[in-house]
Amino acid sequence: MADIAVSRAVLEMYKSLPKTGKPQAHEHTVLAGILALKQSPDGNGSLYSILSLGTGTKCLGASQRSPQGDTVNDSHAEVIARRAFKRWVYQELEGAMAEPSAPCPSPQWRQRSQIFSRLQTGQWQLLNGVTFHMFISQAPCGDACIYSAVGVLRRKPGRGEATLSMSCSDKMARWGLLGLQGSLLMAFLAEPVYLSSVHIAIRQDTYSKEQAAMTTGLQHAISGRTRCLADRTQSPYRHTQPAIYLVPLDLEQCGLRACAARPVPSGMSELQRGQRDVGPHLQKSVHPFAQQLCWSVIKACLQPLPEFLPLHHALNTARLDLENFYALPRGLIWQRKAILKQQF
């Protein structure tokens, strides 16, 4: 699938959504989306399915984090899209484990799941030929767009109060080592789910002048600076290098002009500013499922799934016991948090 086609698919999906919750003419936001790509049955083309969308530029300060895990601390578009993608995977696995007569959570694939196949171990494996791709309407914050000191891990700035959230560049570099699925889903999957490509919009009038330098900087920020950890990764994890594409687009024509965030895996959920309460200017877009991307709700998604986790592990213990998953971020000198806050 051509790089411009990935971008257009995400933008067309965004344009098709209702206006509620979208930024106004004087506001600016960032859009991110994740889609799956697979070969068509006749082998003469590709089929794609948009799995999640997210918009947002906000983060909660350290004191605003909830010990109950019922807030989303980082509402940047890339993070929202990835959280919504995880919800889609939970839903996809639940549908695949259901009885044949149960409705399919992803009808665009026309079967309960054409993404995963079940192994004899009971875990699920991504089918051959299925790849995942991300579109972002601008370069991710952090190392990908700061050139004064490259290769540096950074926290996202807060308005007055510092945040504990790492930059999107740092998180995407981590996803290139550990996958998009997170630690809880690794109890169900035989191997991590990685991005095959990242597509980033750039202004049309600067494309020819900045394309080469920006591509090099993005490659270094997302995968190049973690190459030194390749020998330290333990199976099933590995160091990956997603292809980077810069796409010249006029985003204003697409309605992208910020704080509202809208992940849309099959219209499943919405989120406003990551908090339980929102300002009066966003009250109209509050949705009954406004907290579907919080850690406490994502953890609850595991309850309908069969008992793949070892019986002697509670969910929190299983998450914290995945030493391979957490060893690499420590090698990256990742932001350390209290044990309670690490759980979400």
Protein backbone atom coordinates (compact mmCIF):
# COMPACT_ATOMS: atom_id res chain seq x y z
CA MET A 1 0.00 0.00 0.00
CA ALA A 2 1.56 3.28 -1.09
CA ASP A 3 2.49 5.75 1.63
CA ILE A 4 0.03 8.35 0.37
CA ALA A 5 -2.76 5.75 0.42
CA VAL A 6 -2.15 5.00 4.11
CA SER A 7 -2.36 8.70 4.93
CA ARG A 8 -5.46 9.28 2.85
CA ALA A 9 -7.23 6.31 4.40
CA VAL A 10 -6.71 7.68 7.92
CA LEU A 11 -7.64 11.23 6.93
CA GLU A 12 -10.80 10.11 5.14
CA MET A 13 -11.87 8.16 8.22
CA TYR A 14 -11.25 11.24 10.37
CA LYS A 15 -13.26 13.45 8.00
CA SER A 16 -16.17 11.00 8.11
CA LEU A 17 -16.55 11.32 11.89
CA PRO A 18 -19.11 13.72 13.41
CA LYS A 19 -17.94 17.26 14.13
CA THR A 20 -18.55 16.88 17.87
CA GLY A 21 -15.23 16.85 19.69
CA LYS A 22 -13.18 18.00 16.72
CA PRO A 23 -11.08 21.18 17.03
CA GLN A 24 -12.54 24.52 16.04
CA ALA A 25 -11.06 26.81 13.38
CA HIS A 26 -8.81 28.59 15.90
CA GLU A 27 -7.56 25.37 17.50
CA HIS A 28 -4.81 22.95 16.57
CA THR A 29 -4.56 19.24 17.18
CA VAL A 30 -2.53 16.22 16.11
CA LEU A 31 -4.10 13.17 14.45
CA ALA A 32 -2.73 9.63 14.59
CA GLY A 33 -4.14 6.37 13.30
CA ILE A 34 -3.20 2.70 13.10
CA LEU A 35 -4.34 0.42 10.30
CA ALA A 36 -3.83 -3.21 9.37
CA LEU A 37 -2.84 -4.31 5.89
CA LYS A 38 -3.24 -7.78 4.39
CA GLN A 39 -3.13 -9.30 0.94
CA SER A 40 -6.42 -9.67 -0.90
CA PRO A 41 -7.73 -13.22 -1.44
CA ASP A 42 -6.96 -13.10 -5.18
CA GLY A 43 -3.39 -11.96 -4.48
CA ASN A 44 -3.72 -8.96 -6.80
CA GLY A 45 -3.91 -6.24 -4.21
CA SER A 46 -4.13 -5.36 -0.55
CA LEU A 47 -6.96 -4.89 1.92
CA TYR A 48 -6.70 -2.46 4.79
CA SER A 49 -8.73 -1.84 7.91
CA ILE A 50 -8.40 1.24 10.10
CA LEU A 51 -8.25 0.00 13.67
CA SER A 52 -7.90 3.17 15.72
CA LEU A 53 -7.73 6.94 15.51
CA GLY A 54 -6.66 9.46 18.11
CA THR A 55 -6.27 13.21 18.37
CA GLY A 56 -4.73 15.18 21.20
CA THR A 57 -1.85 17.22 22.53
CA LYS A 58 -2.39 17.19 26.31
CA CYS A 59 -0.88 15.42 29.33
CA LEU A 60 -1.85 15.30 32.99
CA GLY A 61 0.55 16.65 35.58
CA ALA A 62 2.09 14.30 38.12
CA SER A 63 -0.38 15.27 40.87
CA GLN A 64 -3.39 14.65 38.60
CA ARG A 65 -2.65 10.96 38.17
CA SER A 66 -5.20 8.70 39.79
CA PRO A 67 -4.13 5.77 42.00
CA GLN A 68 -7.23 3.92 40.73
CA GLY A 69 -5.98 3.95 37.14
CA ASP A 70 -9.16 5.65 35.93
CA THR A 71 -7.49 8.51 34.05
CA VAL A 72 -5.44 8.58 30.87
CA ASN A 73 -2.28 10.41 31.80
CA ASP A 74 -0.96 10.95 28.27
CA SER A 75 -3.49 12.10 25.68
CA HIS A 76 -1.12 12.79 22.80
CA ALA A 77 -2.57 11.46 19.57
CA GLU A 78 0.00 8.68 19.09
CA VAL A 79 -0.62 7.34 22.59
CA ILE A 80 -4.40 7.50 22.24
CA ALA A 81 -4.26 5.66 18.91
CA ARG A 82 -2.07 2.97 20.44
CA ARG A 83 -4.35 2.54 23.48
CA ALA A 84 -7.37 2.26 21.20
CA PHE A 85 -5.46 -0.30 19.12
CA LYS A 86 -4.92 -2.38 22.26
CA ARG A 87 -8.65 -2.25 22.95
CA TRP A 88 -9.24 -3.47 19.41
CA VAL A 89 -6.89 -6.42 19.97
CA TYR A 90 -8.71 -7.37 23.19
CA GLN A 91 -12.00 -7.23 21.32
CA GLU A 92 -10.62 -9.20 18.38
CA LEU A 93 -9.36 -11.99 20.64
CA GLU A 94 -12.62 -12.11 22.53
CA GLY A 95 -14.51 -12.47 19.25
CA ALA A 96 -12.12 -15.15 18.00
CA MET A 97 -12.62 -17.16 21.20
CA ALA A 98 -16.40 -16.85 21.03
CA GLU A 99 -18.79 -19.43 19.66
CA PRO A 100 -19.11 -19.51 15.85
CA SER A 101 -22.54 -17.91 16.06
CA ALA A 102 -21.25 -14.92 18.05
CA PRO A 103 -21.05 -11.59 16.22
CA CYS A 104 -17.68 -10.59 14.86
CA PRO A 105 -16.20 -7.45 16.46
CA SER A 106 -14.40 -6.62 13.20
CA PRO A 107 -16.90 -7.33 10.39
CA GLN A 108 -14.64 -5.76 7.77
CA TRP A 109 -12.54 -8.95 7.88
CA ARG A 110 -15.70 -11.05 7.23
CA GLN A 111 -14.73 -13.72 9.74
CA ARG A 112 -14.24 -13.83 13.50
CA SER A 113 -10.54 -13.12 12.99
CA GLN A 114 -8.33 -13.11 9.95
CA ILE A 115 -5.57 -11.40 11.93
CA PHE A 116 -4.65 -14.04 14.51
CA SER A 117 -4.43 -17.81 14.51
CA ARG A 118 -4.40 -19.96 17.63
CA LEU A 119 -1.41 -22.14 18.46
CA GLN A 120 -1.44 -25.44 20.34
CA THR A 121 -0.06 -23.60 23.36
CA GLY A 122 -3.31 -21.64 23.54
CA GLN A 123 -1.62 -18.40 22.59
CA TRP A 124 -2.40 -16.40 19.47
CA GLN A 125 -0.08 -15.58 16.61
CA LEU A 126 -0.30 -12.93 13.92
CA LEU A 127 -1.05 -14.43 10.52
CA ASN A 128 1.59 -14.23 7.81
CA GLY A 129 1.18 -11.23 5.56
CA VAL A 130 -0.61 -9.03 8.10
CA THR A 131 1.22 -5.78 8.85
CA PHE A 132 0.42 -2.68 10.90
CA HIS A 133 1.06 0.93 9.92
CA MET A 134 0.75 4.29 11.71
CA PHE A 135 -0.04 7.74 10.33
CA ILE A 136 0.73 10.94 12.29
CA SER A 137 -0.17 14.43 11.13
CA GLN A 138 3.15 15.85 12.38
CA ALA A 139 6.48 14.60 13.71
CA PRO A 140 6.14 13.03 17.19
CA CYS A 141 7.25 15.21 20.08
CA GLY A 142 10.71 14.74 21.54
CA ASP A 143 13.78 13.51 19.70
CA ALA A 144 12.05 13.38 16.30
CA CYS A 145 11.52 17.14 16.23
CA ILE A 146 14.26 18.53 18.52
CA TYR A 147 17.66 18.73 16.88
CA SER A 148 19.63 20.68 19.48
CA ALA A 149 20.57 17.47 21.33
CA VAL A 150 19.69 14.25 19.53
CA GLY A 151 19.27 10.83 21.10
CA VAL A 152 18.04 12.26 24.41
CA LEU A 153 15.10 10.79 26.34
CA ARG A 154 12.67 13.51 27.38
CA ARG A 155 9.57 13.96 29.47
CA LYS A 156 6.63 15.83 28.01
CA PRO A 157 6.32 19.38 29.33
CA GLY A 158 3.32 20.30 31.42
CA ARG A 159 1.44 23.55 31.85
CA GLY A 160 2.93 24.66 35.14
CA GLU A 161 3.39 21.18 36.59
CA ALA A 162 5.82 18.63 35.19
CA THR A 163 4.46 15.37 33.80
CA LEU A 164 5.77 11.84 34.23
CA SER A 165 5.02 10.96 30.59
CA MET A 166 7.89 10.29 28.22
CA SER A 167 7.87 11.95 24.80
CA CYS A 168 6.09 10.29 21.88
CA SER A 169 9.45 9.78 20.12
CA ASP A 170 10.68 7.85 23.16
CA LYS A 171 7.49 5.80 23.39
CA MET A 172 7.62 4.92 19.70
CA ALA A 173 11.25 3.86 20.11
CA ARG A 174 10.10 1.61 22.95
CA TRP A 175 7.30 0.18 20.80
CA GLY A 176 9.96 -0.70 18.23
CA LEU A 177 11.56 -2.96 20.84
CA LEU A 178 8.59 -4.24 22.85
CA GLY A 179 5.67 -3.97 20.42
CA LEU A 180 2.36 -2.12 20.46
CA GLN A 181 0.45 -4.69 22.51
CA GLY A 182 1.73 -3.89 26.01
CA SER A 183 2.62 -6.34 28.74
CA LEU A 184 -0.82 -7.71 29.60
CA LEU A 185 -1.59 -8.83 26.06
CA MET A 186 1.73 -10.69 25.89
CA ALA A 187 0.14 -13.31 28.15
CA PHE A 188 -2.15 -14.11 25.19
CA LEU A 189 0.13 -13.52 22.20
CA ALA A 190 3.03 -15.68 21.06
CA GLU A 191 5.00 -12.69 19.82
CA PRO A 192 4.80 -8.89 19.96
CA VAL A 193 2.94 -6.78 17.41
CA TYR A 194 5.23 -4.29 15.67
CA LEU A 195 4.69 -1.41 13.26
CA SER A 196 5.93 -2.01 9.73
CA SER A 197 5.85 1.65 8.73
CA VAL A 198 5.24 5.14 10.08
CA HIS A 199 3.77 7.82 7.79
CA ILE A 200 4.17 11.44 8.85
CA ALA A 201 2.55 14.44 7.18
CA ILE A 202 4.67 17.39 6.11
CA ARG A 203 3.65 20.70 4.59
CA GLN A 204 3.63 20.62 0.81
CA ASP A 205 5.63 23.84 0.47
CA THR A 206 8.52 22.49 2.57
CA TYR A 207 8.54 18.87 1.41
CA SER A 208 11.30 19.08 -1.21
CA LYS A 209 13.57 21.13 1.04
CA GLU A 210 13.15 19.20 4.30
CA GLN A 211 12.27 15.66 3.23
CA ALA A 212 15.77 14.14 3.34
CA ALA A 213 16.85 15.68 6.65
CA MET A 214 13.54 14.96 8.37
CA THR A 215 13.50 11.34 7.22
CA THR A 216 17.00 10.80 8.61
CA GLY A 217 16.06 12.43 11.92
CA LEU A 218 12.87 10.41 12.24
CA GLN A 219 14.64 7.13 11.49
CA HIS A 220 17.19 7.86 14.19
CA ALA A 221 14.56 8.91 16.75
CA ILE A 222 12.22 5.96 16.20
CA SER A 223 14.64 3.08 15.66
CA GLY A 224 18.23 4.17 15.09
CA ARG A 225 19.08 5.20 18.65
CA THR A 226 17.83 1.88 20.08
CA ARG A 227 19.97 -0.24 17.75
CA CYS A 228 22.53 -0.56 20.55
CA LEU A 229 19.95 -2.59 22.50
CA ALA A 230 19.41 -5.16 19.73
CA ASP A 231 21.81 -7.64 21.32
CA ARG A 232 20.11 -7.24 24.69
CA THR A 233 16.62 -8.10 23.53
CA GLN A 234 15.38 -11.53 24.52
CA SER A 235 12.92 -13.61 22.53
CA PRO A 236 10.15 -12.99 21.63
CA TYR A 237 11.19 -9.32 21.54
CA ARG A 238 13.48 -7.90 18.89
CA HIS A 239 14.75 -4.61 17.55
CA THR A 240 12.67 -3.42 14.59
CA GLN A 241 13.10 -0.61 12.09
CA PRO A 242 9.75 0.51 10.68
CA ALA A 243 9.94 2.24 7.32
CA ILE A 244 9.57 6.02 7.57
CA TYR A 245 7.59 7.96 4.96
CA LEU A 246 7.05 11.70 4.78
CA VAL A 247 3.80 12.58 3.03
CA PRO A 248 3.16 16.09 1.61
CA LEU A 249 -0.38 17.04 2.62
CA ASP A 250 -2.55 20.12 3.13
CA LEU A 251 -3.94 19.19 6.53
CA GLU A 252 -6.19 22.25 6.84
CA GLN A 253 -8.26 20.94 3.95
CA CYS A 254 -8.76 17.80 6.01
CA GLY A 255 -10.22 19.74 8.97
CA LEU A 256 -7.15 19.46 11.19
CA ARG A 257 -6.58 22.69 12.84
CA ALA A 258 -6.97 20.96 21.00
CA CYS A 259 -7.31 19.09 23.53
CA ALA A 260 -10.12 16.76 22.50
CA ALA A 261 -9.13 13.19 21.78
CA ARG A 262 -11.22 10.64 19.94
CA PRO A 263 -9.98 7.08 19.54
CA VAL A 264 -12.25 5.27 17.14
CA PRO A 265 -11.82 1.50 16.96
CA SER A 266 -15.12 0.66 15.25
CA GLY A 267 -16.73 3.61 17.03
CA MET A 268 -16.03 1.97 20.37
CA SER A 269 -14.91 4.82 22.57
CA GLU A 270 -14.12 8.46 23.12
CA LEU A 271 -11.94 10.28 25.62
CA GLN A 272 -11.74 13.90 26.69
CA ARG A 273 -8.49 15.32 28.10
CA GLY A 274 -7.71 12.12 29.99
CA GLN A 275 -9.57 13.23 33.10
CA ARG A 276 -12.80 12.15 34.75
CA ASP A 277 -14.15 15.71 34.50
CA VAL A 278 -13.79 18.02 31.52
CA GLY A 279 -14.15 21.75 30.96
CA PRO A 280 -17.47 23.27 29.94
CA HIS A 281 -16.30 23.74 26.33
CA LEU A 282 -16.02 19.96 25.97
CA GLN A 283 -19.11 18.89 27.89
CA LYS A 284 -21.10 18.31 24.69
CA SER A 285 -18.68 15.63 23.53
CA VAL A 286 -18.62 13.56 26.72
CA HIS A 287 -19.59 9.99 25.89
CA PRO A 288 -20.80 7.15 28.17
CA PHE A 289 -17.61 5.28 27.22
CA ALA A 290 -15.33 8.25 27.86
CA GLN A 291 -12.97 6.22 30.01
CA GLN A 292 -12.66 3.12 27.85
CA LEU A 293 -8.92 3.67 27.42
CA CYS A 294 -8.06 3.91 31.13
CA TRP A 295 -5.87 1.21 32.68
CA SER A 296 -8.61 0.05 35.05
CA VAL A 297 -11.01 -0.50 32.13
CA ILE A 298 -8.40 -2.12 29.89
CA LYS A 299 -7.57 -4.55 32.70
CA ALA A 300 -11.26 -5.42 32.99
CA CYS A 301 -11.27 -6.34 29.29
CA LEU A 302 -9.31 -9.46 30.19
CA GLN A 303 -12.10 -10.85 32.36
CA PRO A 304 -14.17 -12.38 29.50
CA LEU A 305 -11.12 -14.07 28.00
CA PRO A 306 -10.28 -17.70 28.92
CA GLU A 307 -7.77 -18.49 31.63
CA PHE A 308 -4.52 -18.24 29.66
CA LEU A 309 -2.75 -16.52 32.52
CA PRO A 310 -1.14 -18.86 35.08
CA LEU A 311 -3.56 -19.50 37.91
CA HIS A 312 -1.12 -18.30 40.57
CA HIS A 313 -0.86 -14.87 38.95
CA ALA A 314 -3.25 -12.04 39.59
CA LEU A 315 -3.40 -9.58 36.70
CA ASN A 316 -1.22 -6.99 38.41
CA THR A 317 1.34 -9.62 39.39
CA ALA A 318 1.42 -11.00 35.85
CA ARG A 319 2.07 -7.54 34.49
CA LEU A 320 4.87 -6.78 36.93
CA ASP A 321 6.46 -10.21 36.52
CA LEU A 322 7.24 -9.75 32.83
CA GLU A 323 10.90 -8.94 33.44
CA ASN A 324 11.86 -9.11 29.79
CA PHE A 325 9.27 -6.45 29.05
CA TYR A 326 10.60 -4.01 31.62
CA ALA A 327 14.33 -4.69 31.33
CA LEU A 328 14.75 -2.79 28.07
CA PRO A 329 13.16 0.48 29.21
CA ARG A 330 15.50 0.42 32.19
CA GLY A 331 18.35 0.11 29.71
CA LEU A 332 16.97 3.24 28.03
CA ILE A 333 17.16 5.11 31.37
CA TRP A 334 13.37 5.38 31.32
CA GLN A 335 11.46 7.68 33.67
CA ARG A 336 11.05 5.81 36.97
CA LYS A 337 7.68 5.84 38.70
CA ALA A 338 6.27 4.52 41.95
CA ILE A 339 5.19 0.86 41.75
CA LEU A 340 1.53 1.86 42.04
CA LYS A 341 1.82 4.24 39.08
CA GLN A 342 3.72 1.69 36.99
CA GLN A 343 0.57 -0.43 36.92
CA PHE A 344 -1.03 1.97 34.45
